[in-house]
N, C-alpha and C. Protein backbone atom coordinates (compact mmCIF):
# COMPACT_ATOMS: atom_id res chain seq x y z
N MET A 1 -19.79 -12.68 24.31
CA MET A 1 -18.60 -13.11 23.60
C MET A 1 -18.15 -12.04 22.61
N LYS A 2 -19.11 -11.44 21.90
CA LYS A 2 -18.79 -10.38 20.94
C LYS A 2 -18.08 -9.23 21.64
N ASN A 3 -18.58 -8.89 22.82
CA ASN A 3 -17.99 -7.81 23.61
C ASN A 3 -16.56 -8.16 24.02
N ASN A 4 -16.33 -9.41 24.40
CA ASN A 4 -14.98 -9.84 24.78
C ASN A 4 -14.01 -9.71 23.61
N ASN A 5 -14.47 -10.02 22.41
CA ASN A 5 -13.61 -9.89 21.23
C ASN A 5 -13.21 -8.45 21.02
N LYS A 6 -14.16 -7.54 21.21
CA LYS A 6 -13.86 -6.11 21.08
C LYS A 6 -12.82 -5.69 22.12
N LEU A 7 -13.00 -6.14 23.35
CA LEU A 7 -12.07 -5.80 24.41
C LEU A 7 -10.69 -6.39 24.14
N LEU A 8 -10.65 -7.64 23.69
CA LEU A 8 -9.37 -8.28 23.38
C LEU A 8 -8.64 -7.55 22.26
N GLU A 9 -9.39 -7.09 21.28
CA GLU A 9 -8.79 -6.34 20.18
C GLU A 9 -8.16 -5.05 20.69
N ILE A 10 -8.85 -4.36 21.57
CA ILE A 10 -8.32 -3.11 22.13
C ILE A 10 -7.09 -3.39 22.99
N VAL A 11 -7.19 -4.37 23.88
CA VAL A 11 -6.11 -4.67 24.82
C VAL A 11 -4.85 -5.14 24.10
N SER A 12 -5.01 -5.84 23.00
CA SER A 12 -3.84 -6.35 22.29
C SER A 12 -3.23 -5.33 21.32
N ASN A 13 -3.82 -4.16 21.24
CA ASN A 13 -3.35 -3.12 20.32
C ASN A 13 -2.26 -2.27 20.99
N GLU A 14 -1.01 -2.53 20.63
CA GLU A 14 0.12 -1.80 21.22
C GLU A 14 0.08 -0.31 20.89
N LYS A 15 -0.47 0.02 19.73
CA LYS A 15 -0.57 1.43 19.35
C LYS A 15 -1.46 2.20 20.34
N LEU A 16 -2.56 1.56 20.75
CA LEU A 16 -3.43 2.20 21.74
C LEU A 16 -2.74 2.27 23.10
N LYS A 17 -2.10 1.19 23.47
CA LYS A 17 -1.43 1.12 24.77
C LYS A 17 -0.36 2.20 24.92
N ASN A 18 0.34 2.49 23.85
CA ASN A 18 1.44 3.46 23.89
C ASN A 18 1.12 4.77 23.18
N GLY A 19 -0.13 4.98 22.84
CA GLY A 19 -0.52 6.14 22.05
C GLY A 19 -0.77 7.39 22.87
N SER A 20 -1.66 8.20 22.36
CA SER A 20 -2.02 9.45 23.02
C SER A 20 -2.74 9.16 24.34
N LEU A 21 -2.94 10.18 25.10
CA LEU A 21 -3.63 10.02 26.39
C LEU A 21 -5.01 9.39 26.20
N VAL A 22 -5.74 9.83 25.20
CA VAL A 22 -7.08 9.28 24.93
C VAL A 22 -6.99 7.81 24.54
N GLU A 23 -6.01 7.46 23.72
CA GLU A 23 -5.83 6.07 23.32
C GLU A 23 -5.44 5.19 24.50
N ARG A 24 -4.54 5.67 25.32
CA ARG A 24 -4.12 4.90 26.50
C ARG A 24 -5.28 4.74 27.48
N GLU A 25 -6.12 5.76 27.59
CA GLU A 25 -7.29 5.67 28.47
C GLU A 25 -8.23 4.57 27.99
N LEU A 26 -8.47 4.50 26.69
CA LEU A 26 -9.32 3.45 26.13
C LEU A 26 -8.69 2.08 26.40
N TRP A 27 -7.40 1.96 26.18
CA TRP A 27 -6.70 0.70 26.43
C TRP A 27 -6.83 0.28 27.90
N LEU A 28 -6.65 1.23 28.81
CA LEU A 28 -6.74 0.93 30.23
C LEU A 28 -8.15 0.52 30.63
N ARG A 29 -9.16 1.26 30.15
CA ARG A 29 -10.55 0.91 30.46
C ARG A 29 -10.88 -0.50 29.97
N ALA A 30 -10.44 -0.83 28.76
CA ALA A 30 -10.70 -2.17 28.21
C ALA A 30 -9.97 -3.23 29.02
N SER A 31 -8.74 -2.94 29.42
CA SER A 31 -7.96 -3.90 30.22
C SER A 31 -8.63 -4.18 31.56
N VAL A 32 -9.08 -3.15 32.22
CA VAL A 32 -9.76 -3.31 33.51
C VAL A 32 -11.06 -4.09 33.33
N ALA A 33 -11.85 -3.72 32.34
CA ALA A 33 -13.11 -4.41 32.09
C ALA A 33 -12.86 -5.89 31.81
N LEU A 34 -11.86 -6.18 31.01
CA LEU A 34 -11.55 -7.57 30.67
C LEU A 34 -11.11 -8.36 31.91
N GLN A 35 -10.35 -7.75 32.77
CA GLN A 35 -9.95 -8.43 34.02
C GLN A 35 -11.19 -8.80 34.84
N PHE A 36 -12.12 -7.85 34.97
CA PHE A 36 -13.34 -8.12 35.73
C PHE A 36 -14.18 -9.20 35.06
N ILE A 37 -14.34 -9.12 33.75
CA ILE A 37 -15.14 -10.11 33.04
C ILE A 37 -14.54 -11.51 33.20
N ASN A 38 -13.24 -11.61 33.03
CA ASN A 38 -12.58 -12.91 33.17
C ASN A 38 -12.77 -13.49 34.57
N MET A 39 -12.62 -12.66 35.58
CA MET A 39 -12.79 -13.16 36.94
C MET A 39 -14.25 -13.53 37.20
N ARG A 40 -15.17 -12.69 36.71
CA ARG A 40 -16.59 -12.97 36.90
C ARG A 40 -16.98 -14.29 36.25
N THR A 41 -16.52 -14.52 35.02
CA THR A 41 -16.89 -15.76 34.33
C THR A 41 -16.20 -16.98 34.96
N GLU A 42 -14.97 -16.81 35.43
CA GLU A 42 -14.30 -17.92 36.13
C GLU A 42 -15.08 -18.34 37.37
N LEU A 43 -15.73 -17.37 38.00
CA LEU A 43 -16.52 -17.67 39.20
C LEU A 43 -17.93 -18.15 38.85
N GLY A 44 -18.27 -18.14 37.56
CA GLY A 44 -19.59 -18.58 37.13
C GLY A 44 -20.69 -17.60 37.45
N LEU A 45 -20.35 -16.32 37.56
CA LEU A 45 -21.34 -15.30 37.89
C LEU A 45 -21.81 -14.57 36.65
N THR A 46 -23.09 -14.27 36.62
CA THR A 46 -23.65 -13.46 35.54
C THR A 46 -23.55 -11.98 35.91
N GLN A 47 -23.77 -11.14 34.92
CA GLN A 47 -23.80 -9.70 35.19
C GLN A 47 -24.90 -9.39 36.20
N THR A 48 -26.02 -10.05 36.06
CA THR A 48 -27.15 -9.81 36.98
C THR A 48 -26.78 -10.18 38.40
N ARG A 49 -26.14 -11.32 38.58
CA ARG A 49 -25.76 -11.75 39.94
C ARG A 49 -24.76 -10.78 40.57
N VAL A 50 -23.79 -10.33 39.77
CA VAL A 50 -22.81 -9.36 40.28
C VAL A 50 -23.52 -8.06 40.63
N ALA A 51 -24.43 -7.62 39.78
CA ALA A 51 -25.16 -6.38 40.03
C ALA A 51 -25.96 -6.45 41.33
N ILE A 52 -26.59 -7.58 41.57
CA ILE A 52 -27.35 -7.76 42.81
C ILE A 52 -26.42 -7.65 44.02
N LYS A 53 -25.28 -8.32 43.94
CA LYS A 53 -24.30 -8.25 45.03
C LYS A 53 -23.80 -6.83 45.25
N MET A 54 -23.70 -6.05 44.16
CA MET A 54 -23.20 -4.67 44.24
C MET A 54 -24.28 -3.69 44.67
N GLY A 55 -25.55 -4.06 44.49
CA GLY A 55 -26.64 -3.14 44.78
C GLY A 55 -26.86 -2.13 43.65
N VAL A 56 -26.57 -2.56 42.41
CA VAL A 56 -26.77 -1.70 41.24
C VAL A 56 -27.58 -2.49 40.21
N SER A 57 -27.96 -1.83 39.12
CA SER A 57 -28.69 -2.53 38.07
C SER A 57 -27.71 -3.30 37.18
N PHE A 58 -28.21 -4.36 36.56
CA PHE A 58 -27.33 -5.13 35.69
C PHE A 58 -26.89 -4.29 34.49
N GLN A 59 -27.72 -3.27 34.13
CA GLN A 59 -27.34 -2.39 33.03
C GLN A 59 -26.06 -1.63 33.34
N GLN A 60 -25.87 -1.26 34.61
CA GLN A 60 -24.64 -0.55 34.99
C GLN A 60 -23.42 -1.46 34.80
N VAL A 61 -23.56 -2.71 35.16
CA VAL A 61 -22.47 -3.66 34.97
C VAL A 61 -22.23 -3.88 33.48
N SER A 62 -23.30 -4.03 32.72
CA SER A 62 -23.20 -4.23 31.28
C SER A 62 -22.54 -3.04 30.59
N LYS A 63 -22.92 -1.85 30.98
CA LYS A 63 -22.34 -0.65 30.37
C LYS A 63 -20.86 -0.52 30.71
N PHE A 64 -20.47 -0.88 31.91
CA PHE A 64 -19.05 -0.87 32.28
C PHE A 64 -18.29 -1.89 31.44
N GLU A 65 -18.79 -3.11 31.38
CA GLU A 65 -18.11 -4.17 30.65
C GLU A 65 -18.07 -3.89 29.14
N GLY A 66 -19.03 -3.12 28.65
CA GLY A 66 -19.08 -2.79 27.23
C GLY A 66 -18.40 -1.48 26.88
N LEU A 67 -17.74 -0.87 27.86
CA LEU A 67 -17.03 0.41 27.69
C LEU A 67 -17.94 1.57 27.36
N VAL A 68 -19.22 1.44 27.68
CA VAL A 68 -20.16 2.53 27.45
C VAL A 68 -19.98 3.61 28.51
N ASN A 69 -19.77 3.19 29.74
CA ASN A 69 -19.56 4.12 30.85
C ASN A 69 -18.18 3.92 31.45
N SER A 70 -17.62 5.00 31.93
CA SER A 70 -16.37 4.92 32.70
C SER A 70 -16.76 4.74 34.16
N PRO A 71 -16.25 3.71 34.80
CA PRO A 71 -16.65 3.45 36.17
C PRO A 71 -15.97 4.39 37.16
N THR A 72 -16.67 4.64 38.24
CA THR A 72 -16.06 5.39 39.34
C THR A 72 -15.21 4.41 40.15
N LEU A 73 -14.36 4.96 40.97
CA LEU A 73 -13.55 4.12 41.85
C LEU A 73 -14.45 3.32 42.79
N MET A 74 -15.52 3.93 43.28
CA MET A 74 -16.46 3.23 44.16
C MET A 74 -17.10 2.04 43.44
N PHE A 75 -17.47 2.23 42.17
CA PHE A 75 -18.05 1.15 41.39
C PHE A 75 -17.06 -0.01 41.29
N LEU A 76 -15.81 0.30 40.96
CA LEU A 76 -14.79 -0.74 40.84
C LEU A 76 -14.57 -1.47 42.16
N MET A 77 -14.59 -0.74 43.25
CA MET A 77 -14.41 -1.36 44.56
C MET A 77 -15.58 -2.29 44.88
N LYS A 78 -16.81 -1.86 44.57
CA LYS A 78 -17.98 -2.70 44.80
C LYS A 78 -17.95 -3.95 43.92
N TYR A 79 -17.53 -3.76 42.68
CA TYR A 79 -17.45 -4.89 41.76
C TYR A 79 -16.44 -5.92 42.28
N ALA A 80 -15.28 -5.45 42.67
CA ALA A 80 -14.25 -6.36 43.20
C ALA A 80 -14.78 -7.10 44.43
N LYS A 81 -15.44 -6.38 45.31
CA LYS A 81 -15.99 -7.01 46.52
C LYS A 81 -17.03 -8.07 46.15
N ALA A 82 -17.86 -7.78 45.13
CA ALA A 82 -18.86 -8.75 44.69
C ALA A 82 -18.21 -10.02 44.16
N LEU A 83 -16.97 -9.90 43.68
CA LEU A 83 -16.23 -11.06 43.19
C LEU A 83 -15.41 -11.72 44.29
N GLY A 84 -15.49 -11.17 45.50
CA GLY A 84 -14.76 -11.75 46.62
C GLY A 84 -13.28 -11.42 46.62
N THR A 85 -12.93 -10.28 46.04
CA THR A 85 -11.54 -9.89 45.97
C THR A 85 -11.42 -8.39 46.25
N SER A 86 -10.27 -7.84 46.00
CA SER A 86 -10.08 -6.39 46.17
C SER A 86 -9.58 -5.81 44.85
N ILE A 87 -9.72 -4.53 44.72
CA ILE A 87 -9.39 -3.86 43.46
C ILE A 87 -7.91 -4.00 43.11
N ASP A 88 -7.05 -4.05 44.11
CA ASP A 88 -5.62 -4.18 43.80
C ASP A 88 -5.31 -5.52 43.14
N VAL A 89 -6.04 -6.56 43.49
CA VAL A 89 -5.84 -7.86 42.86
C VAL A 89 -6.24 -7.79 41.39
N ILE A 90 -7.31 -7.09 41.11
CA ILE A 90 -7.79 -6.93 39.73
C ILE A 90 -6.78 -6.12 38.91
N LEU A 91 -6.26 -5.07 39.49
CA LEU A 91 -5.41 -4.13 38.75
C LEU A 91 -3.96 -4.55 38.63
N LYS A 92 -3.49 -5.45 39.48
CA LYS A 92 -2.05 -5.72 39.57
C LYS A 92 -1.44 -6.27 38.28
N ASP A 93 -2.19 -6.98 37.46
CA ASP A 93 -1.62 -7.58 36.27
C ASP A 93 -2.04 -6.87 34.98
N ILE A 94 -2.58 -5.70 35.09
CA ILE A 94 -3.09 -4.99 33.91
C ILE A 94 -2.00 -4.78 32.86
N ASP A 95 -0.82 -4.46 33.23
CA ASP A 95 0.22 -4.12 32.27
C ASP A 95 0.94 -5.35 31.70
N ASN A 96 0.60 -6.53 32.17
CA ASN A 96 1.27 -7.76 31.71
C ASN A 96 0.43 -8.48 30.66
């Protein structure tokens, strides 16, 4: 929950969204992570369960969701697949 509050604070910050390249990158990473977290929790999945489905450690999922690591495109694709969706579904509403 604490992590979600941090992400929500970043995502709702218009200055970051429209700021420098570094600021926009942070905003985008937080937006993507929040989309994945929301979908994961709606499905009732834990980080560990998603990690098992992805074939990675739960720490990798935790670090992505906590903005510690920047995910690769392959990681995002695996995560989306573990949630039973595709990456385009996750990304389509990022700017709204």
